PDB file of N, CA and C in Angstrom:
ATOM      1  N   UNK A   1      25.853   6.745 -21.979  1.00  0.00           N
ATOM      2  CA  UNK A   1      24.617   6.663 -21.278  1.00  0.00           C
ATOM      3  C   UNK A   1      24.343   7.918 -20.499  1.00  0.00           C
ATOM      4  N   UNK A   2      25.317   8.427 -19.806  1.00  0.00           N
ATOM      5  CA  UNK A   2      25.185   9.625 -19.057  1.00  0.00           C
ATOM      6  C   UNK A   2      24.911  10.785 -19.950  1.00  0.00           C
ATOM      7  N   UNK A   3      25.567  10.805 -21.097  1.00  0.00           N
ATOM      8  CA  UNK A   3      25.236  11.926 -22.094  1.00  0.00           C
ATOM      9  C   UNK A   3      23.806  11.907 -22.525  1.00  0.00           C
ATOM     10  N   UNK A   4      23.298  10.690 -22.785  1.00  0.00           N
ATOM     11  CA  UNK A   4      21.902  10.555 -23.221  1.00  0.00           C
ATOM     12  C   UNK A   4      20.905  10.968 -22.074  1.00  0.00           C
ATOM     13  N   UNK A   5      21.214  10.636 -20.868  1.00  0.00           N
ATOM     14  CA  UNK A   5      20.393  11.039 -19.748  1.00  0.00           C
ATOM     15  C   UNK A   5      20.371  12.560 -19.595  1.00  0.00           C
ATOM     16  N   UNK A   6      21.514  13.144 -19.759  1.00  0.00           N
ATOM     17  CA  UNK A   6      21.613  14.631 -19.686  1.00  0.00           C
ATOM     18  C   UNK A   6      20.856  15.328 -20.806  1.00  0.00           C
ATOM     19  N   UNK A   7      20.977  14.785 -22.026  1.00  0.00           N
ATOM     20  CA  UNK A   7      20.231  15.328 -23.163  1.00  0.00           C
ATOM     21  C   UNK A   7      18.709  15.192 -22.925  1.00  0.00           C
ATOM     22  N   UNK A   8      18.316  14.006 -22.374  1.00  0.00           N
ATOM     23  CA  UNK A   8      16.850  13.801 -22.116  1.00  0.00           C
ATOM     24  C   UNK A   8      16.357  14.805 -21.072  1.00  0.00           C
ATOM     25  N   UNK A   9      17.148  15.101 -20.066  1.00  0.00           N
ATOM     26  CA  UNK A   9      16.763  16.080 -19.070  1.00  0.00           C
ATOM     27  C   UNK A   9      16.598  17.448 -19.697  1.00  0.00           C
ATOM     28  N   UNK A  10      17.533  17.844 -20.565  1.00  0.00           N
ATOM     29  CA  UNK A  10      17.416  19.131 -21.184  1.00  0.00           C
ATOM     30  C   UNK A  10      16.197  19.199 -22.162  1.00  0.00           C
ATOM     31  N   UNK A  11      15.963  18.146 -22.916  1.00  0.00           N
ATOM     32  CA  UNK A  11      14.791  18.116 -23.762  1.00  0.00           C
ATOM     33  C   UNK A  11      13.490  18.247 -23.009  1.00  0.00           C
ATOM     34  N   UNK A  12      13.364  17.580 -21.832  1.00  0.00           N
ATOM     35  CA  UNK A  12      12.196  17.653 -20.970  1.00  0.00           C
ATOM     36  C   UNK A  12      12.117  19.098 -20.459  1.00  0.00           C
ATOM     37  N   UNK A  13      13.163  19.658 -20.025  1.00  0.00           N
ATOM     38  CA  UNK A  13      13.152  21.048 -19.497  1.00  0.00           C
ATOM     39  C   UNK A  13      12.724  22.049 -20.599  1.00  0.00           C
ATOM     40  N   UNK A  14      13.231  21.867 -21.808  1.00  0.00           N
ATOM     41  CA  UNK A  14      12.856  22.767 -22.893  1.00  0.00           C
ATOM     42  C   UNK A  14      11.370  22.677 -23.189  1.00  0.00           C
ATOM     43  N   UNK A  15      10.829  21.438 -23.162  1.00  0.00           N
ATOM     44  CA  UNK A  15       9.367  21.263 -23.397  1.00  0.00           C
ATOM     45  C   UNK A  15       8.596  21.942 -22.314  1.00  0.00           C
ATOM     46  N   UNK A  16       9.027  21.741 -21.059  1.00  0.00           N
ATOM     47  CA  UNK A  16       8.388  22.419 -19.933  1.00  0.00           C
ATOM     48  C   UNK A  16       8.435  23.911 -20.057  1.00  0.00           C
ATOM     49  N   UNK A  17       9.500  24.502 -20.510  1.00  0.00           N
ATOM     50  CA  UNK A  17       9.679  25.957 -20.651  1.00  0.00           C
ATOM     51  C   UNK A  17       8.728  26.415 -21.778  1.00  0.00           C
ATOM     52  N   UNK A  18       8.656  25.690 -22.873  1.00  0.00           N
ATOM     53  CA  UNK A  18       7.706  26.062 -24.009  1.00  0.00           C
ATOM     54  C   UNK A  18       6.281  26.051 -23.544  1.00  0.00           C
ATOM     55  N   UNK A  19       5.915  24.986 -22.838  1.00  0.00           N
ATOM     56  CA  UNK A  19       4.560  24.848 -22.367  1.00  0.00           C
ATOM     57  C   UNK A  19       4.170  25.915 -21.367  1.00  0.00           C
ATOM     58  N   UNK A  20       5.098  26.483 -20.631  1.00  0.00           N
ATOM     59  CA  UNK A  20       4.851  27.465 -19.654  1.00  0.00           C
ATOM     60  C   UNK A  20       5.165  28.904 -20.140  1.00  0.00           C
ATOM     61  N   UNK A  21       5.316  29.054 -21.477  1.00  0.00           N
ATOM     62  CA  UNK A  21       5.633  30.341 -22.107  1.00  0.00           C
ATOM     63  C   UNK A  21       6.854  30.990 -21.457  1.00  0.00           C
ATOM     64  N   UNK A  22       7.843  30.149 -21.183  1.00  0.00           N
ATOM     65  CA  UNK A  22       9.101  30.661 -20.590  1.00  0.00           C
ATOM     66  C   UNK A  22      10.246  30.305 -21.478  1.00  0.00           C
ATOM     67  N   UNK A  23      11.441  30.785 -21.126  1.00  0.00           N
ATOM     68  CA  UNK A  23      12.653  30.406 -21.882  1.00  0.00           C
ATOM     69  C   UNK A  23      13.577  29.668 -20.933  1.00  0.00           C
ATOM     70  N   UNK A  24      14.182  28.631 -21.401  1.00  0.00           N
ATOM     71  CA  UNK A  24      15.043  27.840 -20.600  1.00  0.00           C
ATOM     72  C   UNK A  24      16.355  28.634 -20.311  1.00  0.00           C
ATOM     73  N   UNK A  25      16.699  28.748 -19.040  1.00  0.00           N
ATOM     74  CA  UNK A  25      17.879  29.460 -18.655  1.00  0.00           C
ATOM     75  C   UNK A  25      19.073  28.470 -18.362  1.00  0.00           C
ATOM     76  N   UNK A  26      20.027  28.964 -17.657  1.00  0.00           N
ATOM     77  CA  UNK A  26      21.189  28.153 -17.294  1.00  0.00           C
ATOM     78  C   UNK A  26      20.856  27.072 -16.254  1.00  0.00           C
ATOM     79  N   UNK A  27      21.800  26.130 -16.121  1.00  0.00           N
ATOM     80  CA  UNK A  27      21.639  25.081 -15.115  1.00  0.00           C
ATOM     81  C   UNK A  27      21.865  25.673 -13.732  1.00  0.00           C
ATOM     82  N   UNK A  28      20.899  25.410 -12.835  1.00  0.00           N
ATOM     83  CA  UNK A  28      20.929  25.845 -11.492  1.00  0.00           C
ATOM     84  C   UNK A  28      21.717  24.836 -10.666  1.00  0.00           C
ATOM     85  N   UNK A  29      21.408  23.581 -10.844  1.00  0.00           N
ATOM     86  CA  UNK A  29      21.998  22.515 -10.026  1.00  0.00           C
ATOM     87  C   UNK A  29      21.926  21.210 -10.847  1.00  0.00           C
ATOM     88  N   UNK A  30      22.919  20.300 -10.723  1.00  0.00           N
ATOM     89  CA  UNK A  30      22.867  19.011 -11.402  1.00  0.00           C
ATOM     90  C   UNK A  30      23.416  17.955 -10.519  1.00  0.00           C
ATOM     91  N   UNK A  31      22.776  16.785 -10.540  1.00  0.00           N
ATOM     92  CA  UNK A  31      23.243  15.672  -9.733  1.00  0.00           C
ATOM     93  C   UNK A  31      23.216  14.411 -10.544  1.00  0.00           C
ATOM     94  N   UNK A  32      24.324  13.679 -10.449  1.00  0.00           N
ATOM     95  CA  UNK A  32      24.328  12.335 -11.069  1.00  0.00           C
ATOM     96  C   UNK A  32      24.084  11.352 -10.028  1.00  0.00           C
ATOM     97  N   UNK A  33      22.955  10.677 -10.087  1.00  0.00           N
ATOM     98  CA  UNK A  33      22.503   9.820  -9.039  1.00  0.00           C
ATOM     99  C   UNK A  33      22.764   8.363  -9.328  1.00  0.00           C
ATOM    100  N   UNK A  34      21.706   7.624  -9.410  1.00  0.00           N
ATOM    101  CA  UNK A  34      21.762   6.165  -9.485  1.00  0.00           C
ATOM    102  C   UNK A  34      22.221   5.687 -10.903  1.00  0.00           C
ATOM    103  N   UNK A  35      23.069   4.661 -10.915  1.00  0.00           N
ATOM    104  CA  UNK A  35      23.543   4.074 -12.102  1.00  0.00           C
ATOM    105  C   UNK A  35      23.505   2.572 -11.871  1.00  0.00           C
ATOM    106  N   UNK A  36      22.642   1.831 -12.465  1.00  0.00           N
ATOM    107  CA  UNK A  36      22.449   0.388 -12.210  1.00  0.00           C
ATOM    108  C   UNK A  36      22.557  -0.466 -13.496  1.00  0.00           C
ATOM    109  N   UNK A  37      23.177  -1.629 -13.354  1.00  0.00           N
ATOM    110  CA  UNK A  37      23.265  -2.618 -14.415  1.00  0.00           C
ATOM    111  C   UNK A  37      22.677  -3.903 -13.869  1.00  0.00           C
ATOM    112  N   UNK A  38      21.651  -4.471 -14.570  1.00  0.00           N
ATOM    113  CA  UNK A  38      21.131  -5.724 -14.123  1.00  0.00           C
ATOM    114  C   UNK A  38      20.735  -6.636 -15.348  1.00  0.00           C
ATOM    115  N   UNK A  39      20.512  -7.864 -15.122  1.00  0.00           N
ATOM    116  CA  UNK A  39      20.082  -8.765 -16.123  1.00  0.00           C
ATOM    117  C   UNK A  39      18.705  -8.398 -16.574  1.00  0.00           C
ATOM    118  N   UNK A  40      18.488  -8.497 -17.885  1.00  0.00           N
ATOM    119  CA  UNK A  40      17.119  -8.152 -18.377  1.00  0.00           C
ATOM    120  C   UNK A  40      16.088  -9.110 -17.819  1.00  0.00           C
ATOM    121  N   UNK A  41      16.380 -10.400 -17.839  1.00  0.00           N
ATOM    122  CA  UNK A  41      15.541 -11.443 -17.259  1.00  0.00           C
ATOM    123  C   UNK A  41      16.355 -12.686 -16.912  1.00  0.00           C
ATOM    124  N   UNK A  42      15.811 -13.648 -16.178  1.00  0.00           N
ATOM    125  CA  UNK A  42      16.586 -14.811 -15.806  1.00  0.00           C
ATOM    126  C   UNK A  42      17.062 -15.688 -16.981  1.00  0.00           C
ATOM    127  N   UNK A  43      16.304 -15.623 -18.097  1.00  0.00           N
ATOM    128  CA  UNK A  43      16.627 -16.466 -19.246  1.00  0.00           C
ATOM    129  C   UNK A  43      17.732 -15.923 -20.155  1.00  0.00           C
ATOM    130  N   UNK A  44      18.032 -14.627 -20.029  1.00  0.00           N
ATOM    131  CA  UNK A  44      19.011 -13.975 -20.852  1.00  0.00           C
ATOM    132  C   UNK A  44      19.997 -13.078 -20.061  1.00  0.00           C
ATOM    133  N   UNK A  45      20.756 -13.735 -19.202  1.00  0.00           N
ATOM    134  CA  UNK A  45      21.662 -12.993 -18.299  1.00  0.00           C
ATOM    135  C   UNK A  45      22.713 -12.242 -19.080  1.00  0.00           C
ATOM    136  N   UNK A  46      23.006 -12.535 -20.347  1.00  0.00           N
ATOM    137  CA  UNK A  46      23.961 -11.850 -21.150  1.00  0.00           C
ATOM    138  C   UNK A  46      23.414 -10.557 -21.757  1.00  0.00           C
ATOM    139  N   UNK A  47      22.103 -10.284 -21.633  1.00  0.00           N
ATOM    140  CA  UNK A  47      21.458  -9.073 -22.058  1.00  0.00           C
ATOM    141  C   UNK A  47      21.164  -8.237 -20.800  1.00  0.00           C
ATOM    142  N   UNK A  48      21.710  -7.037 -20.778  1.00  0.00           N
ATOM    143  CA  UNK A  48      21.616  -6.175 -19.564  1.00  0.00           C
ATOM    144  C   UNK A  48      20.629  -5.001 -19.758  1.00  0.00           C
ATOM    145  N   UNK A  49      20.107  -4.614 -18.643  1.00  0.00           N
ATOM    146  CA  UNK A  49      19.316  -3.397 -18.573  1.00  0.00           C
ATOM    147  C   UNK A  49      20.124  -2.403 -17.757  1.00  0.00           C
ATOM    148  N   UNK A  50      20.288  -1.215 -18.308  1.00  0.00           N
ATOM    149  CA  UNK A  50      21.053  -0.165 -17.674  1.00  0.00           C
ATOM    150  C   UNK A  50      20.123   1.038 -17.396  1.00  0.00           C
ATOM    151  N   UNK A  51      20.231   1.562 -16.224  1.00  0.00           N
ATOM    152  CA  UNK A  51      19.423   2.679 -15.768  1.00  0.00           C
ATOM    153  C   UNK A  51      20.366   3.773 -15.219  1.00  0.00           C
ATOM    154  N   UNK A  52      20.161   4.936 -15.760  1.00  0.00           N
ATOM    155  CA  UNK A  52      20.916   6.133 -15.306  1.00  0.00           C
ATOM    156  C   UNK A  52      19.942   7.199 -14.863  1.00  0.00           C
ATOM    157  N   UNK A  53      20.135   7.714 -13.656  1.00  0.00           N
ATOM    158  CA  UNK A  53      19.268   8.753 -13.150  1.00  0.00           C
ATOM    159  C   UNK A  53      20.083  10.051 -13.017  1.00  0.00           C
ATOM    160  N   UNK A  54      19.684  11.020 -13.730  1.00  0.00           N
ATOM    161  CA  UNK A  54      20.280  12.361 -13.713  1.00  0.00           C
ATOM    162  C   UNK A  54      19.283  13.398 -13.364  1.00  0.00           C
ATOM    163  N   UNK A  55      19.545  14.211 -12.396  1.00  0.00           N
ATOM    164  CA  UNK A  55      18.606  15.295 -12.042  1.00  0.00           C
ATOM    165  C   UNK A  55      19.264  16.582 -12.351  1.00  0.00           C
ATOM    166  N   UNK A  56      18.565  17.434 -13.156  1.00  0.00           N
ATOM    167  CA  UNK A  56      19.119  18.672 -13.520  1.00  0.00           C
ATOM    168  C   UNK A  56      18.029  19.775 -13.253  1.00  0.00           C
ATOM    169  N   UNK A  57      18.348  20.787 -12.491  1.00  0.00           N
ATOM    170  CA  UNK A  57      17.403  21.945 -12.242  1.00  0.00           C
ATOM    171  C   UNK A  57      17.906  23.123 -13.103  1.00  0.00           C
ATOM    172  N   UNK A  58      16.951  23.684 -13.827  1.00  0.00           N
ATOM    173  CA  UNK A  58      17.256  24.824 -14.679  1.00  0.00           C
ATOM    174  C   UNK A  58      16.540  26.063 -14.204  1.00  0.00           C
ATOM    175  N   UNK A  59      17.029  27.191 -14.565  1.00  0.00           N
ATOM    176  CA  UNK A  59      16.352  28.460 -14.332  1.00  0.00           C
ATOM    177  C   UNK A  59      15.424  28.687 -15.519  1.00  0.00           C
ATOM    178  N   UNK A  60      14.241  29.195 -15.236  1.00  0.00           N
ATOM    179  CA  UNK A  60      13.290  29.578 -16.306  1.00  0.00           C
ATOM    180  C   UNK A  60      13.217  31.103 -16.342  1.00  0.00           C
ATOM    181  N   UNK A  61      13.213  31.623 -17.576  1.00  0.00           N
ATOM    182  CA  UNK A  61      13.198  33.058 -17.761  1.00  0.00           C
ATOM    183  C   UNK A  61      11.922  33.485 -18.498  1.00  0.00           C
ATOM    184  N   UNK A  62      11.407  34.640 -18.224  1.00  0.00           N
ATOM    185  CA  UNK A  62      10.228  35.117 -19.012  1.00  0.00           C
ATOM    186  C   UNK A  62      10.651  35.762 -20.261  1.00  0.00           C
TER     187      UNK A  62
END
């Protein structure tokens, strides 16, 4: 899950870099924040919803 969150952060950063005519640089700072596991709903407590919050700041290069 953490790996997927990190990949999603990089994909979003790459899209941002392309849209701004920049090149994605190295990681400036990374934080692993919230990680929660909860029931999807009251009727199916055996099915869980998992949320991972990862914040990654990248350098952008011209």
